[in-house]
Amino acid sequence: MTHHQAPLPPTWHLADEAILPGGRTITGTAARVYNLLLESGRHSHRWKVGRHLAPAGWVPTWVLREPWAGGSAGDRRLRDLREAGVSIASQRFDPGDDAPASASWLWHLSPREVSPSPGGWVGDGRGGQGVRSREGAPLQGVTVRFVAGRPAPAEAIDISPGAPSPLAPSFAACDDEAYRRELLQAFHAGRLVATLTSRAEWSLWADPAALYNPRPVLETALSKLGAVLGV
């Protein structure tokens, strides 16, 4: 039986593929370790180090070696990530409270390596809807327009619930939080960005008769990834 010192938090999904901020795709245990560092930072998760808790977002070496993360070579995947250009900070764990110094090391993605997060709104220069400008983001330079009406334009991607596109919510995800989780999983697996990188402009359409409208959540997600929201 495989022994786990700690389970993966139940709402997390460590995909076997990841897209690094520079656009390079990595797979396997290196991708899981990268996604572990990413999720730990996003959730400000505190892992155990003995009877203590590590600082929020910092990952102890033993967690990297868990079977659901990098396995026995988990810590060596840090070297692979650094060779791929990922900046990873490290520090020796300090338990404080006059406790003896620890031999445990902690790891954390440097701020510039964290996937795009909300930035400031700037005008689009045309007096229309604001767009997010995020230098180096995965969808930088891509323009997305949401179109309405029926039938759907032939060139538009269908994002209605149940549609086959990775951008569309499943029928089981017809609420904002569930849809956000699906988009996050699609992003970690590389499907979300790959859907929109072969052209500079895209049209997205959702069936106005559907009970759930994915547009507000998807607009926010695409903006965080650097896409320009057209009008």
Protein backbone atom coordinates (compact mmCIF):
# COMPACT_ATOMS: atom_id res chain seq x y z
CA MET A 1 0.00 0.00 0.00
CA THR A 2 1.30 3.45 -0.87
CA HIS A 3 1.89 5.56 2.22
CA HIS A 4 0.96 9.23 2.06
CA GLN A 5 2.28 11.59 4.73
CA ALA A 6 -0.39 14.04 3.62
CA PRO A 7 -3.22 13.87 1.11
CA LEU A 8 -3.56 16.29 -1.73
CA PRO A 9 -6.11 18.96 -0.70
CA PRO A 10 -9.44 17.73 -2.08
CA THR A 11 -10.21 20.72 -4.31
CA TRP A 12 -6.77 20.73 -5.98
CA HIS A 13 -5.89 19.06 -9.27
CA LEU A 14 -2.21 18.56 -10.17
CA ALA A 15 -2.21 18.05 -13.93
CA ASP A 16 0.56 16.10 -15.67
CA GLU A 17 1.07 19.02 -18.06
CA ALA A 18 1.76 22.70 -17.45
CA ILE A 19 2.54 25.76 -19.52
CA LEU A 20 5.33 27.87 -18.05
CA PRO A 21 5.03 31.67 -18.13
CA GLY A 22 7.37 31.83 -21.14
CA GLY A 23 5.09 29.51 -23.12
CA ARG A 24 7.07 26.26 -22.80
CA THR A 25 5.05 23.12 -22.08
CA ILE A 26 6.33 20.61 -19.51
CA THR A 27 4.88 17.21 -18.65
CA GLY A 28 5.07 14.43 -16.07
CA THR A 29 6.37 14.85 -12.54
CA ALA A 30 8.02 18.18 -13.37
CA ALA A 31 4.59 19.54 -14.31
CA ARG A 32 3.03 18.18 -11.11
CA VAL A 33 5.75 19.75 -8.97
CA TYR A 34 5.30 23.07 -10.78
CA ASN A 35 1.52 22.90 -10.30
CA LEU A 36 2.02 21.98 -6.63
CA LEU A 37 4.16 25.09 -6.07
CA LEU A 38 1.63 27.15 -8.02
CA GLU A 39 -1.41 25.93 -6.10
CA SER A 40 0.32 26.22 -2.72
CA GLY A 41 1.05 29.86 -3.45
CA ARG A 42 -2.39 30.62 -4.83
CA HIS A 43 -4.15 29.13 -1.82
CA SER A 44 -1.55 30.35 0.72
CA HIS A 45 -1.55 26.75 1.91
CA ARG A 46 0.44 25.87 5.02
CA TRP A 47 2.08 22.43 4.95
CA LYS A 48 3.24 20.65 8.09
CA VAL A 49 6.90 20.45 9.02
CA GLY A 50 6.96 18.11 11.97
CA ARG A 51 4.63 19.60 14.59
CA HIS A 52 4.92 23.06 13.04
CA LEU A 53 3.40 24.72 9.99
CA ALA A 54 5.47 26.11 7.14
CA PRO A 55 4.90 29.74 6.09
CA ALA A 56 1.91 30.22 3.80
CA GLY A 57 2.64 29.18 0.22
CA TRP A 58 5.99 27.49 0.97
CA VAL A 59 6.32 23.78 0.15
CA PRO A 60 8.57 21.45 2.21
CA THR A 61 10.79 18.97 0.39
CA TRP A 62 8.89 15.98 1.78
CA VAL A 63 5.69 17.18 0.04
CA LEU A 64 7.50 17.32 -3.31
CA ARG A 65 8.28 13.60 -2.86
CA GLU A 66 4.69 12.52 -2.25
CA PRO A 67 3.44 9.96 -4.85
CA TRP A 68 0.76 12.39 -6.03
CA ALA A 69 3.40 15.09 -6.60
CA GLY A 70 6.89 14.33 -7.89
CA GLY A 71 7.42 10.94 -6.27
CA SER A 72 10.88 9.92 -5.06
CA ALA A 73 12.48 12.31 -7.56
CA GLY A 74 10.27 15.24 -6.61
CA ASP A 75 13.07 17.40 -5.26
CA ARG A 76 15.16 16.72 -8.38
CA ARG A 77 12.34 18.12 -10.49
CA LEU A 78 13.16 21.50 -8.93
CA ARG A 79 16.46 21.40 -10.80
CA ASP A 80 14.64 20.57 -14.04
CA LEU A 81 12.30 23.51 -13.53
CA ARG A 82 15.16 25.88 -12.82
CA GLU A 83 16.95 24.67 -15.95
CA ALA A 84 13.73 25.48 -17.83
CA GLY A 85 13.98 29.05 -16.57
CA VAL A 86 11.58 28.90 -13.63
CA SER A 87 12.68 31.04 -10.68
CA ILE A 88 12.19 29.14 -7.41
CA ALA A 89 13.02 30.64 -4.03
CA SER A 90 14.22 28.48 -1.14
CA GLN A 91 14.85 28.85 2.55
CA ARG A 92 15.62 26.67 5.54
CA PHE A 93 12.61 26.22 7.78
CA ASP A 94 12.78 28.26 10.98
CA PRO A 95 10.30 26.92 13.56
CA GLY A 96 10.81 29.92 15.86
CA ASP A 97 9.85 29.79 19.53
CA ASP A 98 13.46 29.00 20.43
CA ALA A 99 13.02 25.57 18.84
CA PRO A 100 16.13 23.86 17.43
CA ALA A 101 17.08 24.77 13.88
CA SER A 102 15.41 22.57 11.27
CA ALA A 103 17.11 20.66 8.46
CA SER A 104 13.98 20.99 6.32
CA TRP A 105 14.03 23.16 3.21
CA LEU A 106 11.07 25.07 1.83
CA TRP A 107 10.36 26.03 -1.78
CA HIS A 108 8.25 28.75 -3.36
CA LEU A 109 7.68 30.10 -6.88
CA SER A 110 9.15 33.56 -7.20
CA PRO A 111 6.42 36.18 -7.77
CA ARG A 112 7.20 36.63 -11.46
CA GLU A 113 6.60 32.91 -12.06
CA VAL A 114 3.06 32.89 -10.72
CA SER A 115 0.42 32.57 -13.41
CA PRO A 116 -1.43 35.78 -14.23
CA SER A 117 -3.52 37.19 -11.43
CA PRO A 118 -5.82 40.20 -11.37
CA GLY A 119 -4.16 43.41 -12.44
CA GLY A 120 -5.34 46.96 -12.83
CA TRP A 121 -7.96 47.89 -15.41
CA VAL A 122 -6.85 50.18 -18.20
CA GLY A 123 -8.94 51.74 -20.94
CA ASP A 124 -9.00 50.13 -24.36
CA GLY A 125 -8.32 53.48 -26.05
CA ARG A 126 -11.70 53.47 -27.78
CA GLY A 127 -13.91 54.48 -24.92
CA GLY A 128 -15.24 50.95 -24.70
CA GLN A 129 -14.86 48.17 -22.19
CA GLY A 130 -11.64 48.10 -20.20
CA VAL A 131 -9.08 45.41 -20.83
CA ARG A 132 -6.30 44.02 -18.73
CA SER A 133 -2.78 44.55 -19.93
CA ARG A 134 -0.38 41.89 -18.65
CA GLU A 135 3.05 41.80 -20.20
CA GLY A 136 4.24 38.27 -20.97
CA ALA A 137 0.88 36.66 -20.13
CA PRO A 138 -0.03 33.46 -22.05
CA LEU A 139 -2.76 35.16 -24.13
CA GLN A 140 -1.04 38.48 -24.65
CA GLY A 141 -1.85 39.76 -28.15
CA VAL A 142 -5.03 37.68 -28.48
CA THR A 143 -8.34 39.52 -28.91
CA VAL A 144 -11.57 37.84 -27.86
CA ARG A 145 -15.06 39.09 -28.72
CA PHE A 146 -18.30 37.74 -27.32
CA VAL A 147 -21.06 37.63 -29.92
CA ALA A 148 -24.81 37.30 -29.37
CA GLY A 149 -27.88 36.29 -31.30
CA ARG A 150 -29.04 33.09 -32.96
CA PRO A 151 -27.93 31.10 -34.82
CA ALA A 152 -24.29 31.08 -33.76
CA PRO A 153 -21.90 32.64 -36.28
CA ALA A 154 -20.04 29.93 -38.17
CA GLU A 155 -16.62 31.17 -37.07
CA ALA A 156 -17.50 31.49 -33.36
CA ILE A 157 -16.46 29.04 -30.65
CA ASP A 158 -19.51 27.68 -28.85
CA ILE A 159 -19.09 28.18 -25.09
CA SER A 160 -22.64 27.12 -24.18
CA PRO A 161 -22.97 24.60 -21.32
CA GLY A 162 -22.12 21.13 -22.60
CA ALA A 163 -20.35 22.33 -25.76
CA PRO A 164 -17.13 20.43 -26.64
CA SER A 165 -14.77 23.42 -26.37
CA PRO A 166 -12.44 23.50 -23.30
CA LEU A 167 -13.79 27.02 -22.75
CA ALA A 168 -17.36 25.77 -22.23
CA PRO A 169 -18.71 24.65 -18.86
CA SER A 170 -19.91 21.10 -18.54
CA PHE A 171 -23.57 20.52 -17.72
CA ALA A 172 -22.38 19.70 -14.19
CA ALA A 173 -20.66 23.08 -13.80
CA CYS A 174 -23.54 25.46 -14.27
CA ASP A 175 -22.60 27.74 -11.41
CA ASP A 176 -19.74 30.22 -11.18
CA GLU A 177 -17.55 28.40 -8.67
CA ALA A 178 -17.77 25.02 -10.42
CA TYR A 179 -17.05 26.66 -13.77
CA ARG A 180 -14.00 28.46 -12.33
CA ARG A 181 -12.66 25.10 -11.16
CA GLU A 182 -13.14 23.59 -14.62
CA LEU A 183 -11.35 26.52 -16.27
CA LEU A 184 -8.48 26.20 -13.79
CA GLN A 185 -8.13 22.50 -14.60
CA ALA A 186 -8.22 23.25 -18.33
CA PHE A 187 -5.52 25.88 -17.82
CA HIS A 188 -3.23 23.53 -15.89
CA ALA A 189 -3.70 20.83 -18.53
CA GLY A 190 -2.78 23.32 -21.26
CA ARG A 191 -6.14 23.03 -23.03
CA LEU A 192 -7.43 26.51 -22.27
CA VAL A 193 -4.48 28.46 -23.70
CA ALA A 194 -4.01 26.05 -26.63
CA THR A 195 -7.59 26.72 -27.77
CA LEU A 196 -6.84 30.39 -28.40
CA THR A 197 -3.23 30.59 -29.55
CA SER A 198 -3.47 29.65 -33.25
CA ARG A 199 -5.06 32.99 -34.24
CA ALA A 200 -4.93 36.58 -33.04
CA GLU A 201 -8.71 37.14 -32.94
CA TRP A 202 -11.56 34.92 -31.79
CA SER A 203 -15.33 35.12 -31.44
CA LEU A 204 -17.10 33.30 -28.61
CA TRP A 205 -20.82 32.54 -28.54
CA ALA A 206 -23.12 31.22 -25.83
CA ASP A 207 -26.68 30.09 -26.48
CA PRO A 208 -28.93 32.84 -25.06
CA ALA A 209 -31.54 30.20 -24.22
CA ALA A 210 -29.18 28.32 -21.89
CA LEU A 211 -29.93 28.45 -18.16
CA TYR A 212 -26.34 29.42 -17.31
CA ASN A 213 -24.33 32.24 -18.90
CA PRO A 214 -20.58 31.51 -18.78
CA ARG A 215 -19.52 34.89 -20.14
CA PRO A 216 -18.83 36.82 -16.87
CA VAL A 217 -16.57 34.11 -15.43
CA LEU A 218 -14.82 33.46 -18.74
CA GLU A 219 -14.24 37.18 -19.36
CA THR A 220 -12.47 37.45 -16.02
CA ALA A 221 -10.34 34.35 -16.66
CA LEU A 222 -9.28 35.40 -20.15
CA SER A 223 -8.46 38.90 -18.94
CA LYS A 224 -6.21 37.48 -16.24
CA LEU A 225 -4.40 35.49 -18.92
CA GLY A 226 -3.72 38.65 -20.90
CA ALA A 227 -6.39 38.50 -23.62
CA VAL A 228 -7.88 41.73 -24.92
CA LEU A 229 -11.66 41.82 -24.63
CA GLY A 230 -12.99 43.33 -27.85
CA VAL A 231 -16.23 45.23 -28.21
